[in-house]
Amino acid sequence: MEKVFDVVGLYLNPPERAVVLCVDEKSQVQALARSQPAFPMMPGMPEKRTHDYVRHGTTTLFAAFNVADGTVITSTHRRHRAVEFKKFLAKIDAQVPADLAVHVVCDNYGTHKHPTIKAWLAAHPRFTMHFTPTYSSWLNQVERWFAYVTGDLLQRSDHRSIQALEADLRAWAKAWNHDPKPFIWTKTAEDILDSLGRLIARIKGEGH
């Protein structure tokens, strides 16, 4: 419950002189080549695509979504261990202005709490981690961005190699950053916060 207040509080009342980044990895992104090309659209007929694919391996898309302006920092790695996450944190560190604190919203995946990561964070005190509650991935705004990537690129893609897939992911993210779209944290989130507040108040009242 405290984690919900913590994360939603960052969205509704972000700290000054700081950036809030929603971070996660989209793992097992497959390079899929369609076994037959798409059939061109005819008048009055939708485009037809084969559902048979040839698989050419997987990659992992790391992303940090800036809740204030909608820009993203991304990387692709073939694996998603602590060492890759550490490299991504280092990339964030290099790209965020040095005078800003960095608040990272992420899930409780073991990689994010690995001793390697804890040591890196200890050496970079401007970073603060904020973990979403278990089964609450919807609280992490980067998941919504991943949904855009999936719908706009991955579900329509045709990649003959991992390199081609990774190049398209980088190009898609670059195009997004030319016209970034921050997500408005809706009243629903405030309702969640309010309802949680009423619940806590009731529990505390019962404790007296």
Protein backbone atom coordinates (compact mmCIF):
# COMPACT_ATOMS: atom_id res chain seq x y z
CA MET A 1 0.00 0.00 0.00
CA GLU A 2 2.83 2.40 0.84
CA LYS A 3 4.35 1.61 -2.57
CA VAL A 4 1.16 2.77 -4.30
CA PHE A 5 1.25 6.08 -2.41
CA ASP A 6 4.93 6.42 -3.23
CA VAL A 7 4.60 5.82 -6.97
CA VAL A 8 1.34 7.72 -7.53
CA GLY A 9 2.75 10.57 -5.44
CA LEU A 10 5.65 10.85 -7.87
CA TYR A 11 3.19 11.17 -10.76
CA LEU A 12 0.84 13.67 -9.12
CA ASN A 13 3.43 15.75 -7.28
CA PRO A 14 6.88 15.15 -8.80
CA PRO A 15 9.84 16.44 -6.80
CA GLU A 16 11.65 19.59 -7.91
CA ARG A 17 15.04 19.42 -9.60
CA ALA A 18 14.44 15.79 -10.45
CA VAL A 19 13.34 13.54 -13.27
CA VAL A 20 10.88 10.66 -12.79
CA LEU A 21 11.56 7.71 -15.09
CA CYS A 22 9.39 4.61 -15.45
CA VAL A 23 11.76 1.76 -16.28
CA ASP A 24 11.28 -1.82 -17.38
CA GLU A 25 12.47 -4.41 -19.88
CA LYS A 26 10.34 -5.93 -22.62
CA SER A 27 12.03 -9.31 -22.89
CA GLN A 28 11.77 -12.01 -25.51
CA VAL A 29 10.99 -9.59 -28.35
CA GLN A 30 11.06 -11.91 -31.35
CA ALA A 31 12.43 -11.21 -34.79
CA LEU A 32 9.68 -12.78 -36.90
CA ALA A 33 9.85 -13.10 -40.65
CA ARG A 34 6.55 -13.84 -42.34
CA SER A 35 6.72 -16.99 -44.42
CA GLN A 36 4.74 -15.23 -47.17
CA PRO A 37 4.60 -11.52 -47.99
CA ALA A 38 1.52 -9.47 -47.19
CA PHE A 39 -1.11 -9.49 -49.90
CA PRO A 40 -1.73 -5.96 -51.17
CA MET A 41 -5.03 -4.34 -50.37
CA MET A 42 -7.67 -4.47 -53.11
CA PRO A 43 -10.59 -2.04 -53.33
CA GLY A 44 -12.92 -2.88 -50.46
CA MET A 45 -10.59 -5.60 -49.13
CA PRO A 46 -8.36 -5.33 -46.05
CA GLU A 47 -4.69 -6.17 -46.29
CA LYS A 48 -4.07 -9.85 -45.67
CA ARG A 49 -1.04 -11.16 -43.84
CA THR A 50 0.10 -14.70 -43.31
CA HIS A 51 0.10 -16.00 -39.74
CA ASP A 52 3.06 -18.30 -40.40
CA TYR A 53 6.40 -17.02 -39.20
CA VAL A 54 10.05 -17.95 -39.30
CA ARG A 55 11.70 -17.08 -35.99
CA HIS A 56 15.13 -15.44 -36.02
CA GLY A 57 15.86 -15.07 -32.30
CA THR A 58 14.97 -12.61 -29.56
CA THR A 59 16.18 -9.39 -28.00
CA THR A 60 15.23 -7.35 -24.92
CA LEU A 61 14.10 -3.73 -25.12
CA PHE A 62 15.07 -1.64 -22.09
CA ALA A 63 13.14 1.61 -21.76
CA ALA A 64 12.98 4.57 -19.38
CA PHE A 65 9.86 6.70 -19.90
CA ASN A 66 10.04 10.30 -18.68
CA VAL A 67 6.64 11.00 -17.10
CA ALA A 68 7.05 14.79 -17.45
CA ASP A 69 7.67 15.08 -21.18
CA GLY A 70 7.06 11.59 -22.61
CA THR A 71 10.56 11.11 -23.97
CA VAL A 72 12.22 7.72 -23.70
CA ILE A 73 15.74 6.42 -23.23
CA THR A 74 16.12 2.95 -24.73
CA SER A 75 18.66 0.19 -25.24
CA THR A 76 18.53 -3.29 -26.69
CA HIS A 77 20.39 -6.23 -25.22
CA ARG A 78 20.29 -9.90 -26.12
CA ARG A 79 19.94 -10.81 -22.43
CA HIS A 80 18.37 -9.13 -19.41
CA ARG A 81 20.56 -9.93 -16.43
CA ALA A 82 21.78 -7.53 -13.75
CA VAL A 83 24.81 -6.67 -15.90
CA GLU A 84 22.58 -5.43 -18.73
CA PHE A 85 20.37 -3.48 -16.32
CA LYS A 86 23.48 -1.89 -14.84
CA LYS A 87 24.57 -0.81 -18.33
CA PHE A 88 21.14 0.71 -18.90
CA LEU A 89 21.29 2.63 -15.61
CA ALA A 90 24.70 3.94 -16.69
CA LYS A 91 23.15 5.11 -19.97
CA ILE A 92 20.41 6.92 -18.05
CA ASP A 93 23.07 8.48 -15.81
CA ALA A 94 24.94 9.75 -18.88
CA GLN A 95 21.85 11.25 -20.53
CA VAL A 96 20.10 12.90 -17.58
CA PRO A 97 21.61 16.31 -16.68
CA ALA A 98 24.00 15.91 -13.76
CA ASP A 99 22.23 18.48 -11.57
CA LEU A 100 18.95 16.50 -11.47
CA ALA A 101 17.99 13.73 -9.07
CA VAL A 102 16.72 10.57 -10.76
CA HIS A 103 13.66 8.72 -9.44
CA VAL A 104 13.27 5.31 -11.06
CA VAL A 105 9.91 3.49 -10.95
CA CYS A 106 10.28 -0.23 -11.62
CA ASP A 107 8.92 -3.61 -10.58
CA ASN A 108 10.27 -6.08 -8.03
CA TYR A 109 12.02 -8.27 -10.60
CA GLY A 110 15.09 -9.82 -9.00
CA THR A 111 17.46 -8.18 -11.48
CA HIS A 112 16.45 -4.76 -10.17
CA LYS A 113 17.51 -5.69 -6.62
CA HIS A 114 20.64 -7.67 -7.45
CA PRO A 115 23.75 -6.92 -5.32
CA THR A 116 25.45 -5.59 -8.47
CA ILE A 117 22.66 -3.03 -8.85
CA LYS A 118 22.66 -2.15 -5.15
CA ALA A 119 26.39 -1.48 -5.34
CA TRP A 120 25.96 0.70 -8.44
CA LEU A 121 23.16 2.67 -6.76
CA ALA A 122 25.30 3.20 -3.66
CA ALA A 123 27.93 4.76 -5.92
CA HIS A 124 25.32 6.95 -7.65
CA PRO A 125 23.33 8.54 -4.80
CA ARG A 126 21.27 10.79 -7.06
CA PHE A 127 19.31 7.66 -8.08
CA THR A 128 16.34 6.56 -5.95
CA MET A 129 14.44 3.37 -6.73
CA HIS A 130 10.66 3.15 -6.26
CA PHE A 131 9.20 -0.34 -6.57
CA THR A 132 5.63 -1.00 -7.69
CA PRO A 133 3.59 -3.51 -5.66
CA THR A 134 3.44 -7.11 -6.85
CA TYR A 135 0.88 -7.63 -9.65
CA SER A 136 0.62 -3.86 -10.17
CA SER A 137 2.52 -3.42 -13.43
CA TRP A 138 -0.26 -1.07 -14.57
CA LEU A 139 1.21 1.50 -12.17
CA ASN A 140 4.34 1.69 -14.30
CA GLN A 141 3.72 4.09 -17.19
CA VAL A 142 6.38 2.49 -19.40
CA GLU A 143 4.07 -0.52 -19.79
CA ARG A 144 1.66 1.72 -21.70
CA TRP A 145 4.53 2.85 -23.92
CA PHE A 146 5.46 -0.80 -24.57
CA ALA A 147 1.86 -1.35 -25.68
CA TYR A 148 2.32 1.38 -28.31
CA VAL A 149 5.53 -0.25 -29.53
CA THR A 150 3.78 -3.61 -29.76
CA GLY A 151 0.69 -2.34 -31.56
CA ASP A 152 2.42 0.06 -33.93
CA LEU A 153 5.60 -1.87 -34.73
CA LEU A 154 5.91 -5.42 -33.46
CA GLN A 155 2.50 -6.76 -34.48
CA ARG A 156 3.05 -5.52 -38.03
CA SER A 157 6.76 -6.19 -38.34
CA ASP A 158 8.68 -8.49 -40.64
CA HIS A 159 12.28 -8.95 -39.52
CA ARG A 160 14.80 -11.33 -41.06
CA SER A 161 17.38 -10.88 -38.30
CA ILE A 162 17.84 -9.68 -34.73
CA GLN A 163 19.90 -6.78 -36.08
CA ALA A 164 17.00 -5.65 -38.28
CA LEU A 165 14.58 -5.86 -35.35
CA GLU A 166 16.88 -3.88 -33.07
CA ALA A 167 17.42 -1.23 -35.76
CA ASP A 168 13.66 -0.83 -36.15
CA LEU A 169 13.18 -0.56 -32.38
CA ARG A 170 15.81 2.18 -32.21
CA ALA A 171 14.26 4.00 -35.18
CA TRP A 172 10.77 3.76 -33.65
CA ALA A 173 11.98 5.17 -30.33
CA LYS A 174 13.84 7.98 -32.12
CA ALA A 175 10.70 8.90 -34.07
CA TRP A 176 8.68 8.85 -30.82
CA ASN A 177 11.14 11.29 -29.22
CA HIS A 178 10.65 13.72 -32.11
CA ASP A 179 7.00 14.05 -31.03
CA PRO A 180 6.82 12.59 -27.50
CA LYS A 181 3.48 12.13 -25.76
CA PRO A 182 3.43 12.14 -21.97
CA PHE A 183 0.58 10.17 -20.46
CA ILE A 184 -1.90 12.07 -18.33
CA TRP A 185 -2.31 10.26 -15.03
CA THR A 186 -6.10 10.22 -14.91
CA LYS A 187 -8.56 10.84 -12.13
CA THR A 188 -8.81 7.08 -11.73
CA ALA A 189 -5.39 7.13 -10.10
CA GLU A 190 -6.51 9.87 -7.74
CA ASP A 191 -9.57 7.79 -6.90
CA ILE A 192 -7.25 4.88 -6.10
CA LEU A 193 -5.21 7.15 -3.85
CA ASP A 194 -8.33 8.51 -2.17
CA SER A 195 -9.83 5.07 -1.61
CA LEU A 196 -6.56 3.80 -0.18
CA GLY A 197 -6.45 6.84 2.11
CA ARG A 198 -9.98 6.15 3.36
CA LEU A 199 -9.08 2.50 3.92
CA ILE A 200 -5.97 3.40 5.92
CA ALA A 201 -7.92 5.94 7.96
CA ARG A 202 -10.57 3.32 8.72
CA ILE A 203 -7.97 0.73 9.70
CA LYS A 204 -6.23 3.23 11.98
CA GLY A 205 -9.58 4.19 13.49
CA GLU A 206 -10.35 0.57 14.25
CA GLY A 207 -7.00 0.22 15.93
CA HIS A 208 -7.83 2.75 18.64
